[in-house]
Amino acid sequence: MTIYEAQVLVDKWIQEKGVRYFSELTNMALLTEEVGEVARVMARKYGEQSNKENEKDLNLADELADVLFVLICIANQTGVDMDEALVNNLQKKSTRDGERHLNNPKLRSNQ
């Protein structure tokens, strides 16, 4: 599935099941909430925190999908073509950071 196809699929779901998009500000708050849930999973799975009793079924893939869903909602309602945006962003990073990371000794210290 392309990002564009995902944007179409999410829009269809919103129209059929979600009634309408939440406001952009509400979706920004929801995105922040969902990123926090990813952080919780990461802290418990890869960090030093242990699971609480009710957190035994934490699912990183599901939490990342929640982030992607809300991000796509924001893109859809603001008219952003995420396929194009990602291509442009990678091009910007390649131009700006094309040599920076290759020449960063801090990135080589764990090899």
N, C-alpha and C. Protein backbone atom coordinates (compact mmCIF):
# COMPACT_ATOMS: atom_id res chain seq x y z
N MET A 1 0.85 -1.17 0.00
CA MET A 1 0.00 0.00 0.00
C MET A 1 0.90 1.24 0.00
N THR A 2 0.59 2.18 -0.85
CA THR A 2 1.31 3.45 -0.84
C THR A 2 0.73 4.35 0.25
N ILE A 3 1.45 5.40 0.53
CA ILE A 3 0.93 6.35 1.51
C ILE A 3 -0.35 6.99 0.97
N TYR A 4 -0.35 7.29 -0.34
CA TYR A 4 -1.56 7.86 -0.95
C TYR A 4 -2.75 6.92 -0.77
N GLU A 5 -2.54 5.64 -1.01
CA GLU A 5 -3.63 4.66 -0.83
C GLU A 5 -4.09 4.62 0.62
N ALA A 6 -3.14 4.76 1.55
CA ALA A 6 -3.51 4.80 2.97
C ALA A 6 -4.34 6.05 3.27
N GLN A 7 -3.98 7.18 2.64
CA GLN A 7 -4.76 8.40 2.85
C GLN A 7 -6.18 8.22 2.33
N VAL A 8 -6.33 7.57 1.19
CA VAL A 8 -7.67 7.32 0.64
C VAL A 8 -8.44 6.37 1.55
N LEU A 9 -7.79 5.32 2.03
CA LEU A 9 -8.44 4.34 2.90
C LEU A 9 -8.90 4.97 4.21
N VAL A 10 -8.06 5.80 4.80
CA VAL A 10 -8.43 6.47 6.05
C VAL A 10 -9.59 7.43 5.79
N ASP A 11 -9.54 8.16 4.69
CA ASP A 11 -10.64 9.09 4.38
C ASP A 11 -11.95 8.33 4.22
N LYS A 12 -11.90 7.19 3.53
CA LYS A 12 -13.10 6.38 3.35
C LYS A 12 -13.63 5.91 4.71
N TRP A 13 -12.73 5.48 5.60
CA TRP A 13 -13.15 5.03 6.92
C TRP A 13 -13.80 6.19 7.68
N ILE A 14 -13.19 7.36 7.62
CA ILE A 14 -13.75 8.52 8.33
C ILE A 14 -15.15 8.82 7.80
N GLN A 15 -15.32 8.82 6.49
CA GLN A 15 -16.63 9.14 5.90
C GLN A 15 -17.68 8.09 6.25
N GLU A 16 -17.28 6.82 6.32
CA GLU A 16 -18.25 5.74 6.56
C GLU A 16 -18.46 5.41 8.04
N LYS A 17 -17.42 5.54 8.85
CA LYS A 17 -17.50 5.09 10.24
C LYS A 17 -17.28 6.22 11.25
N GLY A 18 -16.53 7.21 10.86
CA GLY A 18 -16.14 8.25 11.81
C GLY A 18 -17.01 9.49 11.76
N VAL A 19 -17.96 9.54 10.86
CA VAL A 19 -18.88 10.66 10.67
C VAL A 19 -18.18 11.84 10.02
N ARG A 20 -17.12 12.34 10.67
CA ARG A 20 -16.35 13.46 10.12
C ARG A 20 -15.00 13.48 10.82
N TYR A 21 -14.09 14.26 10.28
CA TYR A 21 -12.79 14.45 10.94
C TYR A 21 -12.98 15.29 12.18
N PHE A 22 -12.22 14.98 13.22
CA PHE A 22 -12.14 15.89 14.36
C PHE A 22 -11.42 17.15 13.87
N SER A 23 -11.51 18.22 14.61
CA SER A 23 -10.81 19.45 14.22
C SER A 23 -9.30 19.19 14.18
N GLU A 24 -8.61 20.04 13.45
CA GLU A 24 -7.15 19.90 13.35
C GLU A 24 -6.49 19.97 14.73
N LEU A 25 -6.98 20.86 15.58
CA LEU A 25 -6.41 20.99 16.91
C LEU A 25 -6.67 19.74 17.75
N THR A 26 -7.88 19.20 17.67
CA THR A 26 -8.18 17.96 18.38
C THR A 26 -7.29 16.83 17.88
N ASN A 27 -7.12 16.73 16.56
CA ASN A 27 -6.25 15.68 16.02
C ASN A 27 -4.80 15.88 16.44
N MET A 28 -4.34 17.12 16.57
CA MET A 28 -2.98 17.34 17.06
C MET A 28 -2.84 16.84 18.49
N ALA A 29 -3.85 17.10 19.31
CA ALA A 29 -3.83 16.59 20.69
C ALA A 29 -3.86 15.06 20.70
N LEU A 30 -4.67 14.48 19.82
CA LEU A 30 -4.74 13.01 19.74
C LEU A 30 -3.41 12.42 19.27
N LEU A 31 -2.75 13.10 18.33
CA LEU A 31 -1.44 12.63 17.85
C LEU A 31 -0.44 12.62 19.00
N THR A 32 -0.46 13.67 19.80
CA THR A 32 0.43 13.74 20.96
C THR A 32 0.14 12.61 21.93
N GLU A 33 -1.14 12.35 22.15
CA GLU A 33 -1.55 11.26 23.05
C GLU A 33 -1.05 9.91 22.52
N GLU A 34 -1.22 9.68 21.22
CA GLU A 34 -0.80 8.41 20.64
C GLU A 34 0.72 8.24 20.68
N VAL A 35 1.46 9.32 20.44
CA VAL A 35 2.92 9.26 20.54
C VAL A 35 3.32 8.92 21.98
N GLY A 36 2.59 9.44 22.95
CA GLY A 36 2.84 9.09 24.34
C GLY A 36 2.63 7.61 24.61
N GLU A 37 1.65 7.02 23.95
CA GLU A 37 1.42 5.58 24.11
C GLU A 37 2.56 4.77 23.49
N VAL A 38 3.11 5.25 22.38
CA VAL A 38 4.30 4.60 21.80
C VAL A 38 5.45 4.70 22.80
N ALA A 39 5.60 5.87 23.40
CA ALA A 39 6.67 6.06 24.38
C ALA A 39 6.53 5.10 25.55
N ARG A 40 5.30 4.87 25.99
CA ARG A 40 5.07 3.94 27.09
C ARG A 40 5.54 2.54 26.72
N VAL A 41 5.17 2.08 25.53
CA VAL A 41 5.58 0.74 25.08
C VAL A 41 7.10 0.67 24.99
N MET A 42 7.72 1.68 24.41
CA MET A 42 9.17 1.68 24.26
C MET A 42 9.88 1.66 25.61
N ALA A 43 9.37 2.44 26.56
CA ALA A 43 9.99 2.50 27.90
C ALA A 43 9.91 1.15 28.61
N ARG A 44 8.80 0.45 28.38
CA ARG A 44 8.64 -0.84 29.04
C ARG A 44 9.37 -1.96 28.31
N LYS A 45 9.35 -1.93 26.99
CA LYS A 45 9.95 -3.02 26.22
C LYS A 45 11.47 -2.85 26.06
N TYR A 46 11.92 -1.62 25.83
CA TYR A 46 13.34 -1.40 25.53
C TYR A 46 14.06 -0.61 26.62
N GLY A 47 13.30 -0.01 27.52
CA GLY A 47 13.90 0.78 28.59
C GLY A 47 13.89 0.03 29.91
N GLU A 48 14.06 0.77 30.96
CA GLU A 48 14.19 0.16 32.30
C GLU A 48 12.86 0.00 33.03
N GLN A 49 11.79 0.59 32.52
CA GLN A 49 10.51 0.47 33.23
C GLN A 49 9.92 -0.92 33.05
N SER A 50 9.24 -1.37 34.08
CA SER A 50 8.53 -2.66 34.00
C SER A 50 7.05 -2.38 33.72
N ASN A 51 6.38 -3.39 33.21
CA ASN A 51 4.95 -3.25 32.91
C ASN A 51 4.14 -3.14 34.19
N LYS A 52 3.11 -2.31 34.14
CA LYS A 52 2.12 -2.30 35.20
C LYS A 52 1.25 -3.53 34.99
N GLU A 53 0.45 -3.88 35.99
CA GLU A 53 -0.39 -5.08 35.91
C GLU A 53 -1.29 -5.07 34.68
N ASN A 54 -1.83 -3.90 34.32
CA ASN A 54 -2.77 -3.82 33.20
C ASN A 54 -2.08 -3.56 31.86
N GLU A 55 -0.75 -3.65 31.81
CA GLU A 55 -0.01 -3.36 30.58
C GLU A 55 0.66 -4.59 29.98
N LYS A 56 0.16 -5.75 30.26
CA LYS A 56 0.79 -6.97 29.76
C LYS A 56 0.63 -7.14 28.26
N ASP A 57 -0.39 -6.54 27.68
CA ASP A 57 -0.67 -6.72 26.26
C ASP A 57 -0.30 -5.51 25.42
N LEU A 58 0.70 -4.74 25.83
CA LEU A 58 1.13 -3.59 25.05
C LEU A 58 1.63 -4.05 23.69
N ASN A 59 1.22 -3.35 22.65
CA ASN A 59 1.52 -3.77 21.29
C ASN A 59 2.10 -2.59 20.52
N LEU A 60 3.40 -2.62 20.27
CA LEU A 60 4.07 -1.51 19.60
C LEU A 60 3.50 -1.29 18.20
N ALA A 61 3.27 -2.34 17.44
CA ALA A 61 2.73 -2.19 16.08
C ALA A 61 1.39 -1.48 16.09
N ASP A 62 0.53 -1.85 17.02
CA ASP A 62 -0.79 -1.22 17.10
C ASP A 62 -0.68 0.26 17.48
N GLU A 63 0.22 0.56 18.42
CA GLU A 63 0.39 1.96 18.84
C GLU A 63 0.99 2.80 17.70
N LEU A 64 1.95 2.24 16.96
CA LEU A 64 2.50 2.97 15.81
C LEU A 64 1.43 3.18 14.75
N ALA A 65 0.56 2.19 14.55
CA ALA A 65 -0.53 2.35 13.59
C ALA A 65 -1.50 3.44 14.03
N ASP A 66 -1.74 3.57 15.34
CA ASP A 66 -2.58 4.66 15.84
C ASP A 66 -1.96 6.01 15.50
N VAL A 67 -0.64 6.14 15.67
CA VAL A 67 0.05 7.38 15.32
C VAL A 67 -0.11 7.67 13.84
N LEU A 68 0.11 6.65 13.01
CA LEU A 68 0.00 6.82 11.56
C LEU A 68 -1.42 7.21 11.16
N PHE A 69 -2.42 6.60 11.76
CA PHE A 69 -3.80 6.92 11.45
C PHE A 69 -4.10 8.40 11.71
N VAL A 70 -3.73 8.88 12.89
CA VAL A 70 -4.01 10.28 13.22
C VAL A 70 -3.19 11.22 12.35
N LEU A 71 -1.95 10.85 12.06
CA LEU A 71 -1.12 11.66 11.18
C LEU A 71 -1.74 11.76 9.79
N ILE A 72 -2.26 10.66 9.30
CA ILE A 72 -2.94 10.67 7.99
C ILE A 72 -4.21 11.52 8.06
N CYS A 73 -4.93 11.45 9.16
CA CYS A 73 -6.11 12.31 9.30
C CYS A 73 -5.73 13.78 9.19
N ILE A 74 -4.65 14.17 9.87
CA ILE A 74 -4.20 15.56 9.81
C ILE A 74 -3.80 15.92 8.39
N ALA A 75 -3.08 15.04 7.72
CA ALA A 75 -2.67 15.30 6.34
C ALA A 75 -3.90 15.45 5.44
N ASN A 76 -4.85 14.55 5.58
CA ASN A 76 -6.06 14.61 4.75
C ASN A 76 -6.82 15.91 4.95
N GLN A 77 -7.03 16.29 6.17
CA GLN A 77 -7.88 17.46 6.42
C GLN A 77 -7.17 18.77 6.13
N THR A 78 -5.83 18.74 5.97
CA THR A 78 -5.10 19.96 5.65
C THR A 78 -4.60 19.96 4.21
N GLY A 79 -4.97 18.92 3.45
CA GLY A 79 -4.63 18.88 2.03
C GLY A 79 -3.19 18.52 1.72
N VAL A 80 -2.53 17.80 2.61
CA VAL A 80 -1.13 17.40 2.39
C VAL A 80 -1.09 16.03 1.73
N ASP A 81 -0.42 15.94 0.59
CA ASP A 81 -0.15 14.67 -0.09
C ASP A 81 1.11 14.10 0.55
N MET A 82 0.95 13.10 1.39
CA MET A 82 2.08 12.57 2.15
C MET A 82 3.09 11.85 1.28
N ASP A 83 2.68 11.25 0.16
CA ASP A 83 3.65 10.66 -0.77
C ASP A 83 4.63 11.75 -1.23
N GLU A 84 4.08 12.84 -1.70
CA GLU A 84 4.88 13.95 -2.18
C GLU A 84 5.70 14.58 -1.05
N ALA A 85 5.07 14.74 0.10
CA ALA A 85 5.75 15.36 1.24
C ALA A 85 6.95 14.53 1.69
N LEU A 86 6.81 13.21 1.70
CA LEU A 86 7.91 12.36 2.13
C LEU A 86 9.06 12.39 1.12
N VAL A 87 8.73 12.33 -0.16
CA VAL A 87 9.77 12.41 -1.20
C VAL A 87 10.53 13.73 -1.06
N ASN A 88 9.79 14.83 -0.92
CA ASN A 88 10.43 16.14 -0.78
C ASN A 88 11.27 16.22 0.49
N ASN A 89 10.78 15.63 1.57
CA ASN A 89 11.50 15.67 2.84
C ASN A 89 12.81 14.87 2.75
N LEU A 90 12.75 13.70 2.11
CA LEU A 90 13.97 12.90 1.95
C LEU A 90 14.98 13.61 1.06
N GLN A 91 14.50 14.29 0.05
CA GLN A 91 15.39 15.06 -0.82
C GLN A 91 16.05 16.18 -0.02
N LYS A 92 15.27 16.86 0.79
CA LYS A 92 15.82 17.93 1.64
C LYS A 92 16.88 17.38 2.58
N LYS A 93 16.58 16.25 3.22
CA LYS A 93 17.53 15.65 4.15
C LYS A 93 18.80 15.22 3.42
N SER A 94 18.66 14.68 2.21
CA SER A 94 19.82 14.24 1.45
C SER A 94 20.71 15.42 1.09
N THR A 95 20.11 16.54 0.73
CA THR A 95 20.87 17.73 0.39
C THR A 95 21.52 18.32 1.63
N ARG A 96 20.75 18.46 2.67
CA ARG A 96 21.23 19.11 3.90
C ARG A 96 22.17 18.23 4.70
N ASP A 97 21.84 16.93 4.80
CA ASP A 97 22.57 16.04 5.70
C ASP A 97 23.32 14.93 4.95
N GLY A 98 23.51 15.10 3.65
CA GLY A 98 24.13 14.04 2.84
C GLY A 98 25.47 13.57 3.34
N GLU A 99 26.26 14.44 3.90
CA GLU A 99 27.59 14.08 4.40
C GLU A 99 27.68 14.15 5.92
N ARG A 100 26.78 14.89 6.53
CA ARG A 100 26.89 15.16 7.96
C ARG A 100 26.94 13.89 8.80
N HIS A 101 26.04 12.96 8.55
CA HIS A 101 26.00 11.74 9.37
C HIS A 101 27.17 10.81 9.04
N LEU A 102 27.56 10.78 7.79
CA LEU A 102 28.70 9.95 7.39
C LEU A 102 29.98 10.42 8.07
N ASN A 103 30.08 11.70 8.34
CA ASN A 103 31.28 12.28 8.94
C ASN A 103 31.17 12.47 10.46
N ASN A 104 30.14 11.94 11.06
CA ASN A 104 29.92 12.12 12.49
C ASN A 104 30.60 10.98 13.26
N PRO A 105 31.68 11.26 13.96
CA PRO A 105 32.38 10.19 14.69
C PRO A 105 31.53 9.58 15.81
N LYS A 106 30.56 10.33 16.31
CA LYS A 106 29.69 9.78 17.37
C LYS A 106 28.89 8.60 16.87
N LEU A 107 28.57 8.59 15.58
CA LEU A 107 27.78 7.49 15.02
C LEU A 107 28.64 6.25 14.78
N ARG A 108 29.92 6.41 14.74
CA ARG A 108 30.83 5.28 14.50
C ARG A 108 31.33 4.66 15.80
N SER A 109 31.05 5.28 16.94
CA SER A 109 31.63 4.83 18.21
C SER A 109 31.13 3.46 18.65
N ASN A 110 29.99 2.99 18.17
CA ASN A 110 29.46 1.69 18.59
C ASN A 110 29.80 0.57 17.62
N GLN A 111 30.64 0.85 16.64
CA GLN A 111 30.97 -0.19 15.66
C GLN A 111 32.14 -1.02 16.11
